[in-house]
Amino acid sequence: MGEILVLIVGFVIEFIGQLLLEFVFELFLGGIAKMIKRIHQRGDEGDGSAILFMYALAAGLGCGAGALSLQVFPHLFVKTVALRLLNLALMPLAVAWVADSVFRRSWTGATRRHGFGYAYVFALAVAAARLGWGQ
């Protein structure tokens, strides 16, 4: 019974931690998106390079956030490999769904269409960095 409780608490802590990182990322992403929108005043996605840049930025910042989170919590809460892989598959989906639900009203244009994708890539990069470099 105690192992199940530790497992549940571990999942909850990782989920909340990724949500907090996602909210900080969304604030930063909003500023970058406004800057790119000013560059592409047409209001469409242009040639797609801005969208590709945003996905690459999400992945890079996610890896950085995952590495930074390992400085605070160096040990992974989930101990078995199977559950770590399950966490890698499901946690980004859950975090992206919550972020998309919360921020949907404030997103505009291309960010509204790609918001779930940005959040998913960021959360996947955080989870992958924690999985790859965690103890």
Foldseek 3Di string as FASTA:
>chain_A
DVLVVLVVVLLVVLLVLLLVLLVVVVVVLVVLVVVVCVVVVPLACPPVPSVVVLLVVLLVVLLVSLVVVCVVVQARSDDDPVVLVVCLPPSLQVSLVVQLVVCLVVDDGPCNVCVSVSSSSSSNSSSVNCVVRGD
